[in-house]
Protein backbone atom coordinates (compact mmCIF):
# COMPACT_ATOMS: atom_id res chain seq x y z
CA MET A 1 92.84 67.94 98.97
CA SER A 2 94.95 69.64 96.47
CA THR A 3 94.03 73.58 96.29
CA PRO A 4 92.91 74.05 92.49
CA SER A 5 95.02 76.82 90.77
CA PRO A 6 93.03 79.40 88.54
CA GLU A 7 95.39 79.15 85.97
CA THR A 8 92.62 81.10 83.52
CA PRO A 9 90.16 83.25 84.73
CA ALA A 10 87.45 82.37 81.77
CA GLY A 11 86.31 78.91 80.19
CA ALA A 12 88.49 77.14 82.46
CA ARG A 13 87.84 73.31 82.54
CA GLY A 14 85.06 72.67 85.36
CA ALA A 15 84.80 76.52 85.61
CA VAL A 16 81.10 77.35 86.53
CA ASP A 17 79.69 80.33 84.28
CA LEU A 18 77.47 82.56 86.97
CA THR A 19 77.18 85.52 85.32
CA GLY A 20 73.81 85.14 83.51
CA PHE A 21 71.85 84.15 86.28
CA SER A 22 68.71 86.77 87.59
CA GLY A 23 68.05 85.20 90.97
CA ALA A 24 64.64 85.32 90.29
CA ALA A 25 62.64 85.53 93.62
CA GLY A 26 60.73 82.46 95.30
CA ALA A 27 63.05 79.77 93.51
CA GLY A 28 64.28 76.97 95.09
CA ARG A 29 65.65 77.08 98.52
CA ALA A 30 68.86 75.98 100.06
CA ALA A 31 67.50 73.79 102.81
CA GLY A 32 68.88 70.13 102.56
CA VAL A 33 72.16 70.98 100.99
CA ALA A 34 74.80 68.92 102.99
CA THR A 35 77.75 70.71 104.50
CA SER A 36 81.08 69.00 103.86
CA GLY A 37 84.53 69.28 105.49
CA ALA A 38 86.33 68.35 108.73
CA SER A 39 86.70 71.59 110.60
CA VAL A 40 87.46 75.09 110.00
CA GLY A 41 90.71 76.41 110.32
CA GLU A 42 91.94 77.79 113.85
CA GLY A 43 90.88 81.14 114.13
CA ALA A 44 87.82 81.43 112.44
CA GLY A 45 85.06 83.58 114.40
CA GLY A 46 82.51 82.10 116.76
CA ALA A 47 78.84 82.77 116.92
CA ALA A 48 78.92 86.68 116.38
CA GLY A 49 81.90 86.24 113.91
CA PRO A 50 84.83 88.64 114.34
CA GLN A 51 85.01 91.64 113.28
CA ILE A 52 85.56 91.99 109.08
CA PRO A 53 87.48 95.17 108.04
CA ASP A 54 85.00 97.88 106.42
CA GLY A 55 85.05 97.60 102.60
CA LEU A 56 86.16 93.99 102.48
CA LEU A 57 82.67 91.99 102.74
CA ILE A 58 80.00 92.15 99.99
CA GLU A 59 76.93 90.87 100.91
CA ALA A 60 75.32 89.43 97.46
CA SER A 61 71.74 88.86 97.19
CA ASP A 62 69.17 87.76 94.45
CA ALA A 63 68.87 91.20 93.71
CA THR A 64 72.22 92.65 93.74
CA PHE A 65 74.30 89.48 92.42
CA ASN A 66 74.84 90.13 88.95
CA GLN A 67 76.07 93.77 90.04
CA VAL A 68 78.46 92.38 92.77
CA LEU A 69 80.10 90.42 89.73
CA SER A 70 80.81 93.69 87.79
CA SER A 71 82.67 94.98 90.77
CA THR A 72 85.41 92.03 90.50
CA ILE A 73 86.13 93.37 87.11
CA THR A 74 89.45 95.55 88.38
CA VAL A 75 89.79 94.03 91.82
CA PRO A 76 89.54 90.04 92.03
CA GLY A 77 86.74 88.53 94.06
CA VAL A 78 86.40 85.36 96.51
CA LEU A 79 82.75 84.03 96.33
CA VAL A 80 81.91 82.19 99.47
CA LEU A 81 78.33 80.36 99.17
CA TRP A 82 76.85 79.22 102.48
CA THR A 83 73.99 79.01 104.47
CA SER A 84 72.80 80.55 107.86
CA GLN A 85 71.22 76.76 108.84
CA HIS A 86 74.37 75.78 109.61
CA ALA A 87 76.75 78.01 112.00
CA GLN A 88 79.85 76.09 110.79
CA THR A 89 79.76 77.69 107.32
CA ARG A 90 78.96 80.84 108.40
CA ASP A 91 82.52 80.94 110.33
CA TYR A 92 84.28 79.30 107.72
CA ARG A 93 83.18 82.67 105.36
CA ASP A 94 84.48 84.64 108.41
CA LEU A 95 87.98 82.81 107.89
CA VAL A 96 87.72 83.62 104.16
CA CYS A 97 87.44 87.31 105.26
CA ARG A 98 90.23 87.19 107.94
CA LEU A 99 93.20 85.98 105.40
CA ALA A 100 91.56 88.10 102.86
CA ALA A 101 92.21 91.05 104.78
CA ARG A 102 95.56 89.97 104.99
CA HIS A 103 96.20 91.24 101.65
CA GLY A 104 95.59 94.93 101.88
CA GLY A 105 92.14 95.68 99.56
CA ARG A 106 93.67 93.77 97.02
CA VAL A 107 90.55 91.07 97.06
CA VAL A 108 87.40 91.45 98.00
CA VAL A 109 84.82 88.68 99.63
CA VAL A 110 81.61 88.07 98.10
CA SER A 111 79.32 86.49 100.74
CA VAL A 112 75.84 84.49 99.75
CA ASP A 113 73.83 83.23 102.09
CA LEU A 114 71.68 80.78 100.04
CA GLN A 115 69.52 80.12 102.62
CA ALA A 116 68.46 83.86 102.38
CA ASN A 117 68.50 84.28 98.54
CA PRO A 118 66.47 81.07 97.00
CA GLY A 119 66.72 82.15 93.41
CA LEU A 120 70.75 82.16 93.63
CA ALA A 121 70.14 78.49 95.48
CA GLN A 122 68.18 77.10 92.69
CA SER A 123 70.57 78.29 90.01
CA LEU A 124 73.68 77.58 92.14
CA VAL A 125 73.26 74.42 94.19
CA PRO A 126 73.38 72.20 90.76
CA LEU A 127 76.53 74.07 89.84
CA ILE A 128 78.19 73.45 92.62
CA GLY A 129 77.88 70.30 92.48
CA GLN A 130 78.58 70.38 88.94
CA ALA A 131 82.11 72.04 90.09
CA PHE A 132 83.38 69.87 92.94
CA GLY A 133 81.22 66.82 92.02
CA GLN A 134 79.00 67.25 95.32
CA ALA A 135 76.37 70.09 95.93
CA SER A 136 77.50 70.71 99.75
CA LEU A 137 78.39 74.24 101.57
CA PRO A 138 80.19 76.03 101.87
CA ALA A 139 81.79 76.41 98.55
CA THR A 140 84.34 78.54 97.31
CA PHE A 141 84.95 80.26 93.96
CA GLY A 142 87.30 83.20 92.69
CA LEU A 143 85.97 85.55 90.40
CA LEU A 144 88.11 87.48 87.84
CA GLN A 145 86.26 90.10 85.77
CA GLY A 146 83.00 88.49 86.96
CA GLN A 147 84.20 84.93 85.74
CA PRO A 148 84.05 82.38 88.36
CA VAL A 149 86.75 79.72 88.92
CA PRO A 150 85.66 77.15 91.43
CA LEU A 151 88.78 77.24 94.47
CA LEU A 152 87.50 74.99 97.46
CA PRO A 153 84.95 72.55 98.19
CA GLY A 154 83.39 72.33 101.87
CA LEU A 155 85.80 73.63 105.17
CA ALA A 156 88.89 73.66 103.98
CA PRO A 157 91.61 74.17 106.26
CA GLU A 158 93.36 78.18 107.21
CA ALA A 159 96.72 76.65 105.14
CA GLU A 160 94.50 75.63 101.92
CA VAL A 161 92.32 79.01 101.63
CA SER A 162 95.44 81.06 102.18
CA ALA A 163 97.21 78.79 99.25
CA ALA A 164 94.28 79.32 97.36
CA LEU A 165 94.14 83.10 98.04
CA ASP A 166 97.48 83.30 97.03
CA SER A 167 96.92 81.29 93.77
CA LEU A 168 94.08 83.27 92.73
CA LEU A 169 95.79 86.71 93.25
CA GLU A 170 98.48 85.20 90.72
CA ALA A 171 95.98 84.60 88.35
CA ALA A 172 94.71 88.14 89.02
CA VAL A 173 98.09 89.52 87.93
CA ARG A 174 98.41 87.47 84.79
CA SER A 175 95.03 88.75 83.57
CA GLY A 176 96.20 92.20 84.46
CA ILE A 177 93.68 92.62 87.55
CA THR A 178 95.28 94.55 89.85
CA GLY A 179 93.27 97.05 91.56
CA ARG A 180 92.42 97.57 95.11
CA VAL A 181 90.14 98.43 97.49
CA GLU A 182 89.74 100.45 100.54
CA ILE A 183 89.45 98.75 103.43
CA GLY A 184 89.70 99.81 107.02
CA SER A 185 87.44 99.65 110.45
CA ALA A 186 83.94 101.43 110.87
CA ALA A 187 86.45 103.91 113.10
CA ASP A 188 88.40 104.55 110.68
CA ASP A 189 85.47 106.05 108.36
CA ALA A 190 84.18 107.99 111.17
CA GLU A 191 87.62 109.92 111.07
CA GLY A 192 86.62 111.49 107.71
CA THR A 193 87.47 111.27 104.17
CA LEU A 194 90.82 111.18 102.68
CA PRO A 195 92.52 114.10 101.57
CA PRO A 196 91.63 115.40 98.14
CA LEU A 197 95.14 113.89 96.60
CA HIS A 198 94.72 110.80 98.28
CA GLN A 199 91.03 110.39 97.16
CA ALA A 200 92.22 111.34 93.61
CA ALA A 201 95.16 108.68 93.63
CA TYR A 202 91.85 106.50 94.53
CA ASP A 203 89.87 107.68 91.71
CA ALA A 204 92.66 107.12 89.42
CA ILE A 205 93.48 103.53 89.88
CA ASP A 206 89.66 102.83 89.97
CA ALA A 207 89.80 104.51 86.22
CA GLY A 208 92.85 102.60 85.40
CA ASP A 209 95.10 105.64 85.29
CA LEU A 210 98.24 104.55 87.11
CA GLU A 211 100.03 107.69 85.77
CA GLY A 212 97.62 109.75 87.29
CA ALA A 213 97.57 108.08 90.40
CA ALA A 214 101.19 108.32 90.97
CA ALA A 215 101.58 112.18 90.11
CA ALA A 216 98.60 112.57 92.80
CA TYR A 217 100.49 110.65 95.42
CA ARG A 218 103.92 112.56 94.45
CA GLN A 219 102.32 116.02 94.74
CA ALA A 220 101.01 114.76 98.20
CA LEU A 221 104.47 114.08 99.12
CA THR A 222 105.79 117.47 97.56
CA GLU A 223 102.98 119.06 100.01
CA ASN A 224 103.94 116.91 103.20
CA PRO A 225 107.42 115.35 102.89
CA LYS A 226 106.13 113.39 106.20
CA ASP A 227 103.27 111.63 104.38
CA THR A 228 103.93 108.09 104.57
CA ASP A 229 100.56 107.22 103.72
CA ALA A 230 101.46 108.88 99.94
CA GLU A 231 104.84 107.31 99.95
CA LEU A 232 103.54 103.78 100.64
CA GLY A 233 101.08 104.43 98.13
CA LEU A 234 103.11 105.84 95.14
CA ALA A 235 105.19 102.54 95.79
CA GLN A 236 102.17 100.49 95.12
CA VAL A 237 101.49 102.36 92.79
CA GLU A 238 104.94 102.26 90.94
CA LEU A 239 104.73 98.49 91.60
CA MET A 240 101.27 98.19 89.35
CA LYS A 241 103.05 99.72 86.70
CA ARG A 242 106.14 97.80 86.75
CA THR A 243 104.12 94.97 86.02
CA ALA A 244 101.30 95.31 84.26
CA GLY A 245 101.17 93.20 81.05
CA VAL A 246 103.89 90.95 82.39
CA ASP A 247 103.67 87.41 81.99
CA LEU A 248 103.87 85.51 85.39
CA HIS A 249 104.98 82.11 83.78
CA ALA A 250 107.56 83.93 81.23
CA ALA A 251 108.92 86.05 84.32
CA ARG A 252 109.34 83.33 86.17
CA ALA A 253 110.84 80.86 84.11
CA ALA A 254 113.55 83.96 83.00
CA ALA A 255 114.55 84.24 86.69
CA ALA A 256 115.12 80.31 87.43
CA ALA A 257 116.96 79.81 84.36
CA ASP A 258 119.84 82.31 85.53
CA PRO A 259 119.41 83.55 88.89
CA THR A 260 122.02 85.98 87.96
CA ASP A 261 120.01 88.14 85.23
CA ILE A 262 119.11 90.63 87.28
CA ALA A 263 116.49 92.06 85.60
CA ALA A 264 114.54 89.18 85.33
CA ALA A 265 115.20 88.55 89.53
CA LEU A 266 113.84 92.13 90.24
CA THR A 267 110.50 91.29 87.61
CA ALA A 268 109.94 88.08 89.56
CA ALA A 269 110.67 89.53 92.83
CA ASP A 270 107.76 92.06 92.09
CA LEU A 271 105.54 89.32 91.33
CA ASP A 272 106.33 87.62 94.59
CA VAL A 273 105.21 90.56 96.39
CA LEU A 274 101.96 91.23 94.37
CA GLY A 275 101.09 87.13 94.78
CA GLY A 276 101.30 87.91 98.21
CA HIS A 277 104.88 86.06 98.23
CA VAL A 278 106.74 88.53 100.11
CA GLU A 279 109.10 86.42 101.90
CA ASP A 280 110.30 84.88 98.64
CA ALA A 281 110.50 88.02 96.96
CA PHE A 282 112.82 89.48 99.25
CA SER A 283 114.74 86.22 99.73
CA ARG A 284 115.24 86.52 96.13
CA LEU A 285 116.80 89.68 96.04
CA LEU A 286 119.09 89.24 99.28
CA ASP A 287 120.55 86.31 97.68
CA LEU A 288 121.23 88.30 94.74
CA VAL A 289 122.67 91.52 97.08
CA ARG A 290 125.07 88.92 98.03
CA ALA A 291 125.98 87.85 94.89
CA THR A 292 127.00 90.80 93.16
CA ALA A 293 128.90 93.78 93.83
CA GLY A 294 129.42 97.84 92.61
CA GLU A 295 126.55 98.88 90.13
CA ASP A 296 124.76 95.76 90.04
CA ARG A 297 124.57 95.49 93.97
CA ASP A 298 123.39 98.77 94.26
CA THR A 299 120.43 98.31 91.89
CA VAL A 300 119.46 95.28 93.14
CA ARG A 301 119.58 97.03 97.02
CA THR A 302 117.84 100.01 95.92
CA HIS A 303 114.89 97.65 94.33
CA LEU A 304 114.85 95.82 97.55
CA VAL A 305 114.17 98.97 99.46
CA GLY A 306 111.40 100.20 97.35
CA LEU A 307 109.88 96.59 98.01
CA PHE A 308 110.20 97.38 101.55
CA SER A 309 108.18 100.23 100.93
CA VAL A 310 105.31 98.47 99.03
CA VAL A 311 104.73 96.25 102.08
CA GLY A 312 104.83 98.72 104.69
CA ASN A 313 107.75 99.69 107.21
CA HIS A 314 105.69 98.25 110.06
CA ASP A 315 105.40 94.66 108.77
CA GLU A 316 107.49 92.17 110.81
CA ARG A 317 108.81 90.76 107.57
CA VAL A 318 110.01 94.34 106.54
CA LYS A 319 112.09 94.71 109.91
CA LYS A 320 113.37 91.37 109.42
CA GLY A 321 114.31 91.83 105.55
CA ARG A 322 115.93 95.12 106.48
CA THR A 323 118.30 93.37 109.21
CA ALA A 324 119.01 90.55 106.30
CA LEU A 325 119.91 93.19 104.02
CA MET A 326 122.30 95.32 106.03
CA ASN A 327 123.96 91.83 107.06
CA ALA A 328 124.44 91.19 103.23
CA LEU A 329 126.04 94.54 102.34
CA PHE A 330 128.56 94.65 105.42
């Protein structure tokens, strides 16, 4: 099964308009909706489900669905429609959560149990069929600024879910939807609130004030140069600033047309990281380091090191990238 690509966030061919539903109580039930697909990818949770990081999953209901849709104005979402009548559909929802968690807060999962929410069941079951040709559960949609885009019908394999998330995030970047949510475990929350400057940075990001967020992180580093969280946050905000408003297709076309165009390669690498294609970004710039010299090489090297900071120094891909960079330079 191919993975539909969310090329346009609104008005896309086959997109289902979910924003106008009120979710009237007592209307319809999800009973009788077929489940489809062969098997959930390896690693899906059992009956109790896996540990889902706090802040990643939003449980929507008849009463809250419209409000939840509005939360995807700044952060892209993945809507998973499932039913508690069939445990495998919950397992699939948990698989989506596990894969979404890898993106570090760049996407949230909106979960709707249609068995428990008859108003949404009445509205959404026919529309699942309209989007995918069959009213089966689970069904997965992307959410960009409250607008849905069909992603996957049925119990899609892990590889297809992962690819669909990458495609959704690329579409989000093209639409300027680059916000994040803080995710973590309940144990993390018990340790206390964020330091004031970190909270100020998060608030600024939520408000779309990237300059303000960068200033807060810089101040945090001035006060504590060993604040690795502030260093990571600043690198991520700077990446968001560089890519704001960039035309993804034009940037990739420019980089492909002339692999020696340093500016185009740097922009394409930034977009690769935002889209979750970290290895592609590192490989692109490592090749350019090997092909350049002098100031050009130093420009590429510096940018690559900056992307290492965006991903995080403890990431295995970064460790491999640093080793490859040393080999390329010497």
